[in-house]
C-alpha atoms as a PDB file:
ATOM      1  CA  MET A   1    -199.540 -69.973-150.257  1.00  0.00           C
ATOM      2  CA  THR A   2    -197.534 -72.935-148.988  1.00  0.00           C
ATOM      3  CA  LYS A   3    -194.039 -73.300-150.415  1.00  0.00           C
ATOM      4  CA  ASN A   4    -192.672 -76.621-151.556  1.00  0.00           C
ATOM      5  CA  PRO A   5    -190.678 -78.285-148.787  1.00  0.00           C
ATOM      6  CA  ILE A   6    -186.934 -78.756-148.873  1.00  0.00           C
ATOM      7  CA  ILE A   7    -186.063 -82.409-148.373  1.00  0.00           C
ATOM      8  CA  ARG A   8    -182.865 -83.479-146.664  1.00  0.00           C
ATOM      9  CA  ALA A   9    -181.405 -86.892-145.953  1.00  0.00           C
ATOM     10  CA  LYS A  10    -178.183 -88.225-144.501  1.00  0.00           C
ATOM     11  CA  ALA A  11    -176.662 -91.684-144.193  1.00  0.00           C
ATOM     12  CA  PRO A  12    -173.698 -92.740-142.021  1.00  0.00           C
ATOM     13  CA  LEU A  13    -170.397 -94.061-143.342  1.00  0.00           C
ATOM     14  CA  ARG A  14    -169.062 -97.288-141.913  1.00  0.00           C
ATOM     15  CA  LEU A  15    -165.921 -98.957-140.628  1.00  0.00           C
ATOM     16  CA  GLY A  16    -165.441-102.506-141.896  1.00  0.00           C
ATOM     17  CA  LEU A  17    -164.286-104.183-138.690  1.00  0.00           C
ATOM     18  CA  ALA A  18    -164.081-107.785-139.900  1.00  0.00           C
ATOM     19  CA  GLY A  19    -165.069-110.083-142.751  1.00  0.00           C
ATOM     20  CA  GLY A  20    -164.560-107.505-145.512  1.00  0.00           C
ATOM     21  CA  GLY A  21    -164.564-109.043-148.985  1.00  0.00           C
ATOM     22  CA  SER A  22    -166.688-112.043-148.057  1.00  0.00           C
ATOM     23  CA  ASP A  23    -169.729-110.049-149.249  1.00  0.00           C
ATOM     24  CA  VAL A  24    -168.399-110.011-152.823  1.00  0.00           C
ATOM     25  CA  SER A  25    -169.583-112.456-155.474  1.00  0.00           C
ATOM     26  CA  PRO A  26    -168.735-115.158-156.310  1.00  0.00           C
ATOM     27  CA  TYR A  27    -167.328-115.877-152.840  1.00  0.00           C
ATOM     28  CA  CYS A  28    -170.525-115.186-150.892  1.00  0.00           C
ATOM     29  CA  ASP A  29    -172.578-117.122-153.455  1.00  0.00           C
ATOM     30  CA  MET A  30    -170.325-120.160-153.107  1.00  0.00           C
ATOM     31  CA  TYR A  31    -169.446-120.116-149.408  1.00  0.00           C
ATOM     32  CA  GLY A  32    -171.608-117.463-147.724  1.00  0.00           C
ATOM     33  CA  GLY A  33    -170.178-114.261-146.298  1.00  0.00           C
ATOM     34  CA  TYR A  34    -170.066-112.755-142.807  1.00  0.00           C
ATOM     35  CA  ILE A  35    -169.363-109.085-142.129  1.00  0.00           C
ATOM     36  CA  LEU A  36    -169.032-107.123-138.896  1.00  0.00           C
ATOM     37  CA  ASN A  37    -169.226-103.371-139.375  1.00  0.00           C
ATOM     38  CA  ALA A  38    -170.202-100.226-137.501  1.00  0.00           C
ATOM     39  CA  THR A  39    -171.372 -96.810-138.662  1.00  0.00           C
ATOM     40  CA  ILE A  40    -169.621 -93.644-137.552  1.00  0.00           C
ATOM     41  CA  SER A  41    -170.305 -89.932-137.185  1.00  0.00           C
ATOM     42  CA  LEU A  42    -169.324 -89.098-140.773  1.00  0.00           C
ATOM     43  CA  TYR A  43    -172.096 -88.887-143.352  1.00  0.00           C
ATOM     44  CA  ALA A  44    -173.262 -88.614-146.927  1.00  0.00           C
ATOM     45  CA  HIS A  45    -175.771 -85.770-147.368  1.00  0.00           C
ATOM     46  CA  CYS A  46    -178.511 -85.063-149.901  1.00  0.00           C
ATOM     47  CA  THR A  47    -180.912 -82.154-150.404  1.00  0.00           C
ATOM     48  CA  ILE A  48    -183.798 -82.121-152.893  1.00  0.00           C
ATOM     49  CA  GLU A  49    -185.585 -78.902-153.893  1.00  0.00           C
ATOM     50  CA  GLU A  50    -188.618 -79.311-156.122  1.00  0.00           C
ATOM     51  CA  LYS A  51    -188.727 -77.185-159.284  1.00  0.00           C
ATOM     52  CA  ASN A  52    -191.237 -76.640-162.103  1.00  0.00           C
ATOM     53  CA  ASP A  53    -189.016 -75.481-164.954  1.00  0.00           C
ATOM     54  CA  GLY A  54    -188.756 -78.817-166.756  1.00  0.00           C
ATOM     55  CA  THR A  55    -185.129 -79.465-165.771  1.00  0.00           C
ATOM     56  CA  ILE A  56    -183.184 -81.597-163.322  1.00  0.00           C
ATOM     57  CA  GLN A  57    -180.074 -80.117-161.729  1.00  0.00           C
ATOM     58  CA  PHE A  58    -177.457 -82.225-159.956  1.00  0.00           C
ATOM     59  CA  ASP A  59    -174.817 -80.469-157.853  1.00  0.00           C
ATOM     60  CA  ALA A  60    -171.958 -82.242-156.068  1.00  0.00           C
ATOM     61  CA  PRO A  61    -169.738 -79.375-154.868  1.00  0.00           C
ATOM     62  CA  ASP A  62    -167.342 -81.649-152.982  1.00  0.00           C
ATOM     63  CA  VAL A  63    -166.232 -83.485-156.144  1.00  0.00           C
ATOM     64  CA  PRO A  64    -166.805 -80.857-157.672  1.00  0.00           C
ATOM     65  CA  ARG A  65    -169.283 -81.597-160.461  1.00  0.00           C
ATOM     66  CA  SER A  66    -172.585 -80.199-161.658  1.00  0.00           C
ATOM     67  CA  THR A  67    -174.986 -80.809-164.528  1.00  0.00           C
ATOM     68  CA  VAL A  68    -178.409 -79.683-165.722  1.00  0.00           C
ATOM     69  CA  VAL A  69    -180.499 -81.954-167.938  1.00  0.00           C
ATOM     70  CA  ALA A  70    -183.986 -81.858-169.379  1.00  0.00           C
ATOM     71  CA  SER A  71    -186.526 -83.529-167.152  1.00  0.00           C
ATOM     72  CA  ASP A  72    -187.173 -87.059-168.365  1.00  0.00           C
ATOM     73  CA  ARG A  73    -188.111 -90.457-166.968  1.00  0.00           C
ATOM     74  CA  VAL A  74    -184.793 -91.950-168.116  1.00  0.00           C
ATOM     75  CA  LEU A  75    -181.529 -90.012-167.881  1.00  0.00           C
ATOM     76  CA  PRO A  76    -178.669 -91.376-170.042  1.00  0.00           C
ATOM     77  CA  PHE A  77    -175.354 -92.169-168.380  1.00  0.00           C
ATOM     78  CA  ASP A  78    -172.469 -90.056-169.642  1.00  0.00           C
ATOM     79  CA  GLY A  79    -169.862 -90.270-166.888  1.00  0.00           C
ATOM     80  CA  ASN A  80    -171.028 -87.081-165.152  1.00  0.00           C
ATOM     81  CA  LEU A  81    -172.774 -87.810-161.817  1.00  0.00           C
ATOM     82  CA  ASP A  82    -174.064 -91.159-163.050  1.00  0.00           C
ATOM     83  CA  LEU A  83    -174.804 -92.288-159.487  1.00  0.00           C
ATOM     84  CA  HIS A  84    -177.348 -89.481-159.227  1.00  0.00           C
ATOM     85  CA  LYS A  85    -178.866 -90.340-162.582  1.00  0.00           C
ATOM     86  CA  GLY A  86    -178.948 -94.018-161.691  1.00  0.00           C
ATOM     87  CA  VAL A  87    -180.950 -93.332-158.545  1.00  0.00           C
ATOM     88  CA  HIS A  88    -183.356 -91.119-160.482  1.00  0.00           C
ATOM     89  CA  ASN A  89    -183.880 -93.761-163.170  1.00  0.00           C
ATOM     90  CA  ARG A  90    -184.469 -96.569-160.689  1.00  0.00           C
ATOM     91  CA  ILE A  91    -186.911 -94.562-158.527  1.00  0.00           C
ATOM     92  CA  VAL A  92    -188.953 -93.413-161.545  1.00  0.00           C
ATOM     93  CA  ARG A  93    -189.019 -96.877-163.110  1.00  0.00           C
ATOM     94  CA  GLN A  94    -189.793 -98.859-159.966  1.00  0.00           C
ATOM     95  CA  PHE A  95    -192.642 -96.574-158.881  1.00  0.00           C
ATOM     96  CA  ASN A  96    -193.852 -95.657-162.385  1.00  0.00           C
ATOM     97  CA  LEU A  97    -193.510 -91.939-161.779  1.00  0.00           C
ATOM     98  CA  PRO A  98    -193.893 -89.104-164.288  1.00  0.00           C
ATOM     99  CA  ALA A  99    -190.933 -86.935-165.240  1.00  0.00           C
ATOM    100  CA  LEU A 100    -189.779 -84.997-162.178  1.00  0.00           C
ATOM    101  CA  SER A 101    -188.229 -81.536-161.966  1.00  0.00           C
ATOM    102  CA  TYR A 102    -185.917 -80.812-159.050  1.00  0.00           C
ATOM    103  CA  ARG A 103    -182.483 -79.762-157.878  1.00  0.00           C
ATOM    104  CA  MET A 104    -180.408 -82.311-155.966  1.00  0.00           C
ATOM    105  CA  THR A 105    -177.314 -81.281-154.006  1.00  0.00           C
ATOM    106  CA  THR A 106    -175.036 -83.866-152.429  1.00  0.00           C
ATOM    107  CA  TYR A 107    -171.777 -84.012-150.517  1.00  0.00           C
ATOM    108  CA  VAL A 108    -169.881 -86.508-148.376  1.00  0.00           C
ATOM    109  CA  ASP A 109    -167.814 -85.788-145.268  1.00  0.00           C
ATOM    110  CA  VAL A 110    -164.805 -87.714-146.656  1.00  0.00           C
ATOM    111  CA  PRO A 111    -163.134 -87.860-150.085  1.00  0.00           C
ATOM    112  CA  PRO A 112    -164.249 -90.511-152.596  1.00  0.00           C
ATOM    113  CA  GLY A 113    -162.228 -93.717-152.562  1.00  0.00           C
ATOM    114  CA  SER A 114    -161.621 -93.449-148.823  1.00  0.00           C
ATOM    115  CA  GLY A 115    -162.613 -97.006-147.911  1.00  0.00           C
ATOM    116  CA  LEU A 116    -165.562 -95.993-145.735  1.00  0.00           C
ATOM    117  CA  GLY A 117    -168.227 -96.904-148.284  1.00  0.00           C
ATOM    118  CA  SER A 118    -168.789 -93.315-149.405  1.00  0.00           C
ATOM    119  CA  SER A 119    -170.262 -94.023-152.870  1.00  0.00           C
ATOM    120  CA  SER A 120    -172.762 -96.597-151.653  1.00  0.00           C
ATOM    121  CA  THR A 121    -173.648 -94.464-148.646  1.00  0.00           C
ATOM    122  CA  LEU A 122    -174.331 -91.517-150.934  1.00  0.00           C
ATOM    123  CA  VAL A 123    -176.668 -93.666-153.033  1.00  0.00           C
ATOM    124  CA  VAL A 124    -178.538 -94.662-149.864  1.00  0.00           C
ATOM    125  CA  ALA A 125    -178.848 -90.989-148.841  1.00  0.00           C
ATOM    126  CA  MET A 126    -180.226 -90.047-152.264  1.00  0.00           C
ATOM    127  CA  ILE A 127    -182.775 -92.852-152.185  1.00  0.00           C
ATOM    128  CA  LYS A 128    -183.829 -91.861-148.669  1.00  0.00           C
ATOM    129  CA  ALA A 129    -184.358 -88.277-149.862  1.00  0.00           C
ATOM    130  CA  PHE A 130    -186.697 -89.534-152.593  1.00  0.00           C
ATOM    131  CA  VAL A 131    -188.502 -91.712-150.036  1.00  0.00           C
ATOM    132  CA  GLU A 132    -189.074 -88.653-147.847  1.00  0.00           C
ATOM    133  CA  TRP A 133    -190.068 -86.398-150.747  1.00  0.00           C
ATOM    134  CA  LEU A 134    -192.472 -88.779-152.473  1.00  0.00           C
ATOM    135  CA  ASN A 135    -193.641 -90.790-149.435  1.00  0.00           C
ATOM    136  CA  LEU A 136    -192.418 -94.044-150.978  1.00  0.00           C
ATOM    137  CA  PRO A 137    -193.119 -97.317-149.112  1.00  0.00           C
ATOM    138  CA  MET A 138    -189.529 -98.428-148.524  1.00  0.00           C
ATOM    139  CA  GLY A 139    -187.913 -99.814-145.382  1.00  0.00           C
ATOM    140  CA  GLU A 140    -184.234-100.372-144.613  1.00  0.00           C
ATOM    141  CA  TYR A 141    -183.915-103.621-146.573  1.00  0.00           C
ATOM    142  CA  ASP A 142    -185.692-102.068-149.568  1.00  0.00           C
ATOM    143  CA  ILE A 143    -183.445 -99.005-149.599  1.00  0.00           C
ATOM    144  CA  ALA A 144    -180.268-101.055-149.241  1.00  0.00           C
ATOM    145  CA  ARG A 145    -181.289-103.507-151.968  1.00  0.00           C
ATOM    146  CA  MET A 146    -182.187-100.695-154.377  1.00  0.00           C
ATOM    147  CA  ALA A 147    -178.864 -98.960-153.687  1.00  0.00           C
ATOM    148  CA  TYR A 148    -177.034-102.207-154.407  1.00  0.00           C
ATOM    149  CA  GLU A 149    -178.922-102.719-157.663  1.00  0.00           C
ATOM    150  CA  VAL A 150    -178.294 -99.146-158.833  1.00  0.00           C
ATOM    151  CA  GLU A 151    -174.542 -99.581-158.394  1.00  0.00           C
ATOM    152  CA  ARG A 152    -173.953-103.207-159.270  1.00  0.00           C
ATOM    153  CA  CYS A 153    -176.727-103.933-161.812  1.00  0.00           C
ATOM    154  CA  ASP A 154    -177.605-100.615-163.477  1.00  0.00           C
ATOM    155  CA  LEU A 155    -174.171 -98.965-163.456  1.00  0.00           C
ATOM    156  CA  LYS A 156    -172.120-102.202-163.504  1.00  0.00           C
ATOM    157  CA  LEU A 157    -169.781-100.968-160.749  1.00  0.00           C
ATOM    158  CA  SER A 158    -167.685-103.615-159.012  1.00  0.00           C
ATOM    159  CA  GLY A 159    -168.141-103.992-155.279  1.00  0.00           C
ATOM    160  CA  GLY A 160    -169.725-105.848-152.422  1.00  0.00           C
ATOM    161  CA  ARG A 161    -172.948-105.556-150.461  1.00  0.00           C
ATOM    162  CA  GLN A 162    -172.118-104.446-146.929  1.00  0.00           C
ATOM    163  CA  ASP A 163    -171.924-100.679-147.505  1.00  0.00           C
ATOM    164  CA  GLN A 164    -175.532-100.223-148.588  1.00  0.00           C
ATOM    165  CA  TYR A 165    -176.918-102.229-145.660  1.00  0.00           C
ATOM    166  CA  ALA A 166    -174.662-100.526-143.111  1.00  0.00           C
ATOM    167  CA  ALA A 167    -175.815 -97.089-144.306  1.00  0.00           C
ATOM    168  CA  ALA A 168    -179.473 -98.080-144.261  1.00  0.00           C
ATOM    169  CA  PHE A 169    -179.502 -99.772-140.837  1.00  0.00           C
ATOM    170  CA  GLY A 170    -176.736 -98.000-138.892  1.00  0.00           C
ATOM    171  CA  GLY A 171    -175.066 -99.063-135.654  1.00  0.00           C
ATOM    172  CA  PHE A 172    -173.074-102.247-135.035  1.00  0.00           C
ATOM    173  CA  ASN A 173    -174.254-105.073-137.291  1.00  0.00           C
ATOM    174  CA  PHE A 174    -173.288-108.649-138.003  1.00  0.00           C
ATOM    175  CA  MET A 175    -174.350-109.290-141.594  1.00  0.00           C
ATOM    176  CA  GLU A 176    -174.809-112.545-143.500  1.00  0.00           C
ATOM    177  CA  PHE A 177    -174.641-112.769-147.308  1.00  0.00           C
ATOM    178  CA  TYR A 178    -175.758-115.784-149.336  1.00  0.00           C
ATOM    179  CA  GLU A 179    -176.544-116.792-152.906  1.00  0.00           C
ATOM    180  CA  ALA A 180    -179.611-115.410-154.681  1.00  0.00           C
ATOM    181  CA  GLU A 181    -178.939-112.010-153.039  1.00  0.00           C
ATOM    182  CA  LYS A 182    -180.109-113.171-149.613  1.00  0.00           C
ATOM    183  CA  VAL A 183    -178.972-110.761-146.893  1.00  0.00           C
ATOM    184  CA  ILE A 184    -179.599-110.963-143.150  1.00  0.00           C
ATOM    185  CA  VAL A 185    -178.731-107.984-140.932  1.00  0.00           C
ATOM    186  CA  ASN A 186    -178.308-108.814-137.240  1.00  0.00           C
ATOM    187  CA  PRO A 187    -178.117-105.638-135.094  1.00  0.00           C
ATOM    188  CA  LEU A 188    -175.795-106.033-132.105  1.00  0.00           C
ATOM    189  CA  ARG A 189    -176.598-104.647-128.670  1.00  0.00           C
ATOM    190  CA  VAL A 190    -173.143-103.483-127.642  1.00  0.00           C
ATOM    191  CA  LYS A 191    -172.848-102.090-124.122  1.00  0.00           C
ATOM    192  CA  ARG A 192    -172.131 -98.376-123.873  1.00  0.00           C
ATOM    193  CA  TRP A 193    -168.879 -98.834-121.984  1.00  0.00           C
ATOM    194  CA  VAL A 194    -167.647-101.198-124.685  1.00  0.00           C
ATOM    195  CA  VAL A 195    -168.388 -98.624-127.385  1.00  0.00           C
ATOM    196  CA  ASP A 196    -166.602 -95.933-125.340  1.00  0.00           C
ATOM    197  CA  GLU A 197    -163.579 -98.173-124.789  1.00  0.00           C
ATOM    198  CA  LEU A 198    -163.402 -99.127-128.452  1.00  0.00           C
ATOM    199  CA  GLU A 199    -163.502 -95.441-129.417  1.00  0.00           C
ATOM    200  CA  ALA A 200    -160.693 -94.774-126.929  1.00  0.00           C
ATOM    201  CA  TRP A 201    -158.580 -97.550-128.466  1.00  0.00           C
ATOM    202  CA  MET A 202    -159.243 -96.812-132.117  1.00  0.00           C
ATOM    203  CA  LEU A 203    -157.437 -94.156-134.126  1.00  0.00           C
ATOM    204  CA  LEU A 204    -158.711 -93.460-137.650  1.00  0.00           C
ATOM    205  CA  TYR A 205    -155.994 -92.263-140.010  1.00  0.00           C
ATOM    206  CA  TYR A 206    -156.521 -90.990-143.539  1.00  0.00           C
ATOM    207  CA  THR A 207    -153.526 -91.883-145.702  1.00  0.00           C
ATOM    208  CA  GLY A 208    -154.178 -89.018-148.106  1.00  0.00           C
ATOM    209  CA  ALA A 209    -154.346 -91.463-150.997  1.00  0.00           C
ATOM    210  CA  ASN A 210    -157.649 -92.182-152.705  1.00  0.00           C
ATOM    211  CA  ARG A 211    -158.014 -95.384-154.686  1.00  0.00           C
ATOM    212  CA  SER A 212    -160.456 -97.123-156.956  1.00  0.00           C
ATOM    213  CA  SER A 213    -161.720-100.267-155.273  1.00  0.00           C
ATOM    214  CA  ALA A 214    -162.887-101.748-158.593  1.00  0.00           C
ATOM    215  CA  SER A 215    -159.529-103.161-159.693  1.00  0.00           C
ATOM    216  CA  ILE A 216    -158.866-104.664-156.275  1.00  0.00           C
ATOM    217  CA  ILE A 217    -162.307-106.246-156.114  1.00  0.00           C
ATOM    218  CA  ASP A 218    -162.027-107.526-159.686  1.00  0.00           C
ATOM    219  CA  GLU A 219    -158.747-109.252-158.809  1.00  0.00           C
ATOM    220  CA  GLN A 220    -160.341-110.713-155.690  1.00  0.00           C
ATOM    221  CA  ARG A 221    -163.273-112.025-157.730  1.00  0.00           C
ATOM    222  CA  SER A 222    -160.921-113.495-160.292  1.00  0.00           C
ATOM    223  CA  ASN A 223    -158.926-115.288-157.600  1.00  0.00           C
ATOM    224  CA  THR A 224    -162.111-116.869-156.258  1.00  0.00           C
ATOM    225  CA  SER A 225    -163.456-117.821-159.688  1.00  0.00           C
ATOM    226  CA  SER A 226    -160.148-119.393-160.737  1.00  0.00           C
ATOM    227  CA  GLY A 227    -159.891-121.408-157.520  1.00  0.00           C
ATOM    228  CA  ASN A 228    -156.785-119.639-156.185  1.00  0.00           C
ATOM    229  CA  ALA A 229    -156.253-121.740-153.062  1.00  0.00           C
ATOM    230  CA  VAL A 230    -154.174-119.157-151.167  1.00  0.00           C
ATOM    231  CA  ALA A 231    -156.698-116.366-151.743  1.00  0.00           C
ATOM    232  CA  ILE A 232    -159.726-118.514-150.958  1.00  0.00           C
ATOM    233  CA  GLU A 233    -158.225-119.873-147.735  1.00  0.00           C
ATOM    234  CA  ALA A 234    -157.329-116.324-146.705  1.00  0.00           C
ATOM    235  CA  MET A 235    -160.931-115.269-147.308  1.00  0.00           C
ATOM    236  CA  HIS A 236    -162.185-118.200-145.244  1.00  0.00           C
ATOM    237  CA  ARG A 237    -160.062-116.919-142.345  1.00  0.00           C
ATOM    238  CA  ILE A 238    -161.272-113.349-142.891  1.00  0.00           C
ATOM    239  CA  LYS A 239    -164.861-114.572-142.815  1.00  0.00           C
ATOM    240  CA  GLN A 240    -164.229-116.498-139.579  1.00  0.00           C
ATOM    241  CA  SER A 241    -162.654-113.397-138.044  1.00  0.00           C
ATOM    242  CA  SER A 242    -166.009-111.603-138.191  1.00  0.00           C
ATOM    243  CA  SER A 243    -167.633-114.253-135.986  1.00  0.00           C
ATOM    244  CA  ASP A 244    -164.673-114.201-133.593  1.00  0.00           C
ATOM    245  CA  MET A 245    -164.711-110.413-133.386  1.00  0.00           C
ATOM    246  CA  LYS A 246    -168.458-110.344-132.789  1.00  0.00           C
ATOM    247  CA  GLU A 247    -167.993-112.506-129.696  1.00  0.00           C
ATOM    248  CA  ALA A 248    -165.085-110.368-128.466  1.00  0.00           C
ATOM    249  CA  LEU A 249    -167.082-107.176-129.069  1.00  0.00           C
ATOM    250  CA  LEU A 250    -170.086-108.375-127.102  1.00  0.00           C
ATOM    251  CA  ARG A 251    -167.757-109.386-124.234  1.00  0.00           C
ATOM    252  CA  GLY A 252    -165.883-106.096-124.364  1.00  0.00           C
ATOM    253  CA  ASP A 253    -162.570-107.907-124.961  1.00  0.00           C
ATOM    254  CA  ILE A 254    -160.625-105.099-126.645  1.00  0.00           C
ATOM    255  CA  PRO A 255    -157.203-106.840-126.755  1.00  0.00           C
ATOM    256  CA  THR A 256    -158.768-109.769-128.633  1.00  0.00           C
ATOM    257  CA  ILE A 257    -160.446-107.345-131.042  1.00  0.00           C
ATOM    258  CA  ALA A 258    -157.043-105.782-131.722  1.00  0.00           C
ATOM    259  CA  HIS A 259    -155.468-109.193-132.300  1.00  0.00           C
ATOM    260  CA  ILE A 260    -158.232-110.225-134.727  1.00  0.00           C
ATOM    261  CA  LEU A 261    -157.931-106.914-136.575  1.00  0.00           C
ATOM    262  CA  GLY A 262    -154.202-107.383-137.074  1.00  0.00           C
ATOM    263  CA  ALA A 263    -154.547-110.989-138.220  1.00  0.00           C
ATOM    264  CA  ALA A 264    -157.308-110.002-140.639  1.00  0.00           C
ATOM    265  CA  TRP A 265    -154.997-107.408-142.207  1.00  0.00           C
ATOM    266  CA  GLU A 266    -152.333-110.046-142.855  1.00  0.00           C
ATOM    267  CA  ASN A 267    -154.929-112.292-144.500  1.00  0.00           C
ATOM    268  CA  LYS A 268    -156.437-109.408-146.437  1.00  0.00           C
ATOM    269  CA  LYS A 269    -153.101-108.684-148.125  1.00  0.00           C
ATOM    270  CA  LYS A 270    -153.210-112.173-149.646  1.00  0.00           C
ATOM    271  CA  MET A 271    -156.459-111.440-151.477  1.00  0.00           C
ATOM    272  CA  ALA A 272    -155.028-109.093-154.139  1.00  0.00           C
ATOM    273  CA  THR A 273    -151.610-107.635-154.948  1.00  0.00           C
ATOM    274  CA  SER A 274    -152.736-103.975-154.874  1.00  0.00           C
ATOM    275  CA  ILE A 275    -154.264-104.049-151.382  1.00  0.00           C
ATOM    276  CA  THR A 276    -151.027-102.692-149.928  1.00  0.00           C
ATOM    277  CA  ASN A 277    -148.056-100.740-151.218  1.00  0.00           C
ATOM    278  CA  SER A 278    -144.764 -99.273-149.978  1.00  0.00           C
ATOM    279  CA  LYS A 279    -146.396 -96.130-148.570  1.00  0.00           C
ATOM    280  CA  ILE A 280    -149.001 -98.099-146.632  1.00  0.00           C
ATOM    281  CA  GLU A 281    -146.357-100.496-145.298  1.00  0.00           C
ATOM    282  CA  GLU A 282    -144.249 -97.546-144.133  1.00  0.00           C
ATOM    283  CA  ILE A 283    -147.256 -96.059-142.290  1.00  0.00           C
ATOM    284  CA  PHE A 284    -147.832 -99.410-140.585  1.00  0.00           C
ATOM    285  CA  ARG A 285    -144.128 -99.707-139.647  1.00  0.00           C
ATOM    286  CA  VAL A 286    -144.057 -96.239-138.062  1.00  0.00           C
ATOM    287  CA  SER A 287    -147.329 -96.860-136.248  1.00  0.00           C
ATOM    288  CA  LEU A 288    -146.368-100.230-134.813  1.00  0.00           C
ATOM    289  CA  ASP A 289    -143.035 -98.786-133.683  1.00  0.00           C
ATOM    290  CA  SER A 290    -144.898 -95.932-131.973  1.00  0.00           C
ATOM    291  CA  GLY A 291    -147.387 -97.821-129.849  1.00  0.00           C
ATOM    292  CA  ALA A 292    -150.047 -99.165-132.197  1.00  0.00           C
ATOM    293  CA  VAL A 293    -151.030-102.740-131.348  1.00  0.00           C
ATOM    294  CA  ALA A 294    -152.589-103.537-134.726  1.00  0.00           C
ATOM    295  CA  GLY A 295    -154.159-101.944-137.752  1.00  0.00           C
ATOM    296  CA  LYS A 296    -156.196-102.655-140.870  1.00  0.00           C
ATOM    297  CA  ILE A 297    -157.328-100.666-143.867  1.00  0.00           C
ATOM    298  CA  SER A 298    -161.067-100.093-143.979  1.00  0.00           C
ATOM    299  CA  GLY A 299    -162.516-101.047-147.336  1.00  0.00           C
ATOM    300  CA  ALA A 300    -160.944-102.770-150.310  1.00  0.00           C
ATOM    301  CA  GLY A 301    -157.419-101.495-149.647  1.00  0.00           C
ATOM    302  CA  GLY A 302    -154.816 -99.588-151.610  1.00  0.00           C
ATOM    303  CA  GLY A 303    -155.303 -96.358-149.644  1.00  0.00           C
ATOM    304  CA  GLY A 304    -158.050 -94.484-147.862  1.00  0.00           C
ATOM    305  CA  PHE A 305    -158.481 -94.885-144.095  1.00  0.00           C
ATOM    306  CA  ILE A 306    -156.558 -97.137-141.714  1.00  0.00           C
ATOM    307  CA  MET A 307    -157.989 -98.216-138.373  1.00  0.00           C
ATOM    308  CA  PHE A 308    -155.256 -98.454-135.747  1.00  0.00           C
ATOM    309  CA  MET A 309    -155.715-100.016-132.325  1.00  0.00           C
ATOM    310  CA  VAL A 310    -153.641 -98.299-129.639  1.00  0.00           C
ATOM    311  CA  ASP A 311    -153.724 -98.265-125.843  1.00  0.00           C
ATOM    312  CA  PRO A 312    -155.206 -94.847-124.997  1.00  0.00           C
ATOM    313  CA  VAL A 313    -152.145 -93.948-122.911  1.00  0.00           C
ATOM    314  CA  ASN A 314    -150.059 -94.204-126.103  1.00  0.00           C
ATOM    315  CA  ARG A 315    -152.515 -92.374-128.344  1.00  0.00           C
ATOM    316  CA  VAL A 316    -150.762 -88.999-128.272  1.00  0.00           C
ATOM    317  CA  ALA A 317    -147.382 -90.590-129.045  1.00  0.00           C
ATOM    318  CA  LEU A 318    -148.866 -92.418-132.040  1.00  0.00           C
ATOM    319  CA  SER A 319    -150.571 -89.251-133.265  1.00  0.00           C
ATOM    320  CA  ARG A 320    -147.282 -87.347-133.160  1.00  0.00           C
ATOM    321  CA  ALA A 321    -145.434 -90.126-134.967  1.00  0.00           C
ATOM    322  CA  LEU A 322    -147.982 -90.027-137.789  1.00  0.00           C
ATOM    323  CA  GLU A 323    -147.786 -86.246-138.265  1.00  0.00           C
ATOM    324  CA  PRO A 324    -144.904 -86.357-140.816  1.00  0.00           C
ATOM    325  CA  MET A 325    -146.600 -89.081-142.899  1.00  0.00           C
ATOM    326  CA  CYS A 326    -148.651 -86.658-145.053  1.00  0.00           C
ATOM    327  CA  GLY A 327    -151.995 -87.999-143.892  1.00  0.00           C
ATOM    328  CA  ARG A 328    -154.316 -86.870-141.111  1.00  0.00           C
ATOM    329  CA  ILE A 329    -156.167 -88.240-138.133  1.00  0.00           C
ATOM    330  CA  MET A 330    -159.951 -88.108-138.386  1.00  0.00           C
ATOM    331  CA  ASP A 331    -161.950 -87.765-135.181  1.00  0.00           C
ATOM    332  CA  PHE A 332    -165.125 -89.839-135.006  1.00  0.00           C
ATOM    333  CA  THR A 333    -167.609 -91.546-132.737  1.00  0.00           C
ATOM    334  CA  PHE A 334    -169.724 -94.600-133.452  1.00  0.00           C
ATOM    335  CA  SER A 335    -173.280 -93.742-134.527  1.00  0.00           C
ATOM    336  CA  GLU A 336    -176.445 -95.626-133.690  1.00  0.00           C
ATOM    337  CA  GLY A 337    -178.935 -94.657-136.393  1.00  0.00           C
ATOM    338  CA  GLY A 338    -179.047 -95.455-140.082  1.00  0.00           C
ATOM    339  CA  CYS A 339    -180.196 -93.221-142.926  1.00  0.00           C
ATOM    340  CA  HIS A 340    -182.932 -90.740-142.161  1.00  0.00           C
ATOM    341  CA  GLY A 341    -184.701 -87.905-143.922  1.00  0.00           C
ATOM    342  CA  TRP A 342    -186.792 -84.875-143.053  1.00  0.00           C
ATOM    343  CA  LYS A 343    -188.637 -81.939-144.596  1.00  0.00           C
ATOM    344  CA  ILE A 344    -188.325 -78.261-143.831  1.00  0.00           C
ATOM    345  CA  TYR A 345    -190.561 -75.369-144.885  1.00  0.00           C
ATOM    346  CA  ASN A 346    -189.036 -71.927-145.345  1.00  0.00           C
END
């Protein structure tokens, strides 16, 4: 007798190198958005185990949260693992499936609110697990678009579009965002030595502070809708920085990448008042005094991870200077692949 397979899926988190925020409506609908991002060796994970007891069990031990509900085609949102329920509802509805019975276990390699796109990446991993389990006809664009719709349309969560597409496609990508939900993902062929040099120059530091990106993004959207000239002009410059950084990346011009990163951080702070705070500014002051050339928060801001650019010969000195700051350095490498899934038989 053949046992039911165990389905696993994983999707990579991303660093927002340039253009962050230009993928958020209404800016991208009005002006178009450009994003340069790259996935890294930190992941969101999902396991599905088929059951036949008429229940659905969701476990997220890293949060930690867990719930068991009766198997149904539509699971009501109640604030407990609604991302999981949202994926279930969308999969069942879009493919007209009967009620399913299974256990889903998820975890992410970083805390929520870290600025690496963890929530959206987790949604992509869950969708990919369903694709593998049920043999659904979905490619990268399909998975990313469904993940976006689950979060932004079904659950009404504020946010942009880059995270879902980065997790689905993986690698270095230059992304374009336009009105009517048009998205174009342009994979970049970055030379290996450039990737190695960028890894040598980049130090990823977790501030220890999680934040909700929703309030920051809502303020950013409000500034665009109200015609705030300072915020809009700053976003124009942020958008342009993604094109400039793409050219520098393909040339392997690391000093220019560092300069663009630093300038983008100064512009980013003009987009919303809560993007920075006294703790973040103190971390930047210590880092720049200790050898860092530039830095920028990955994600909406307010906390999470900071990307610092530092000459490799000064890396140890910077690491030691950051030790008393109550955060921690996170080792990583850039990853090439996007989400993927597989089955195992025990």
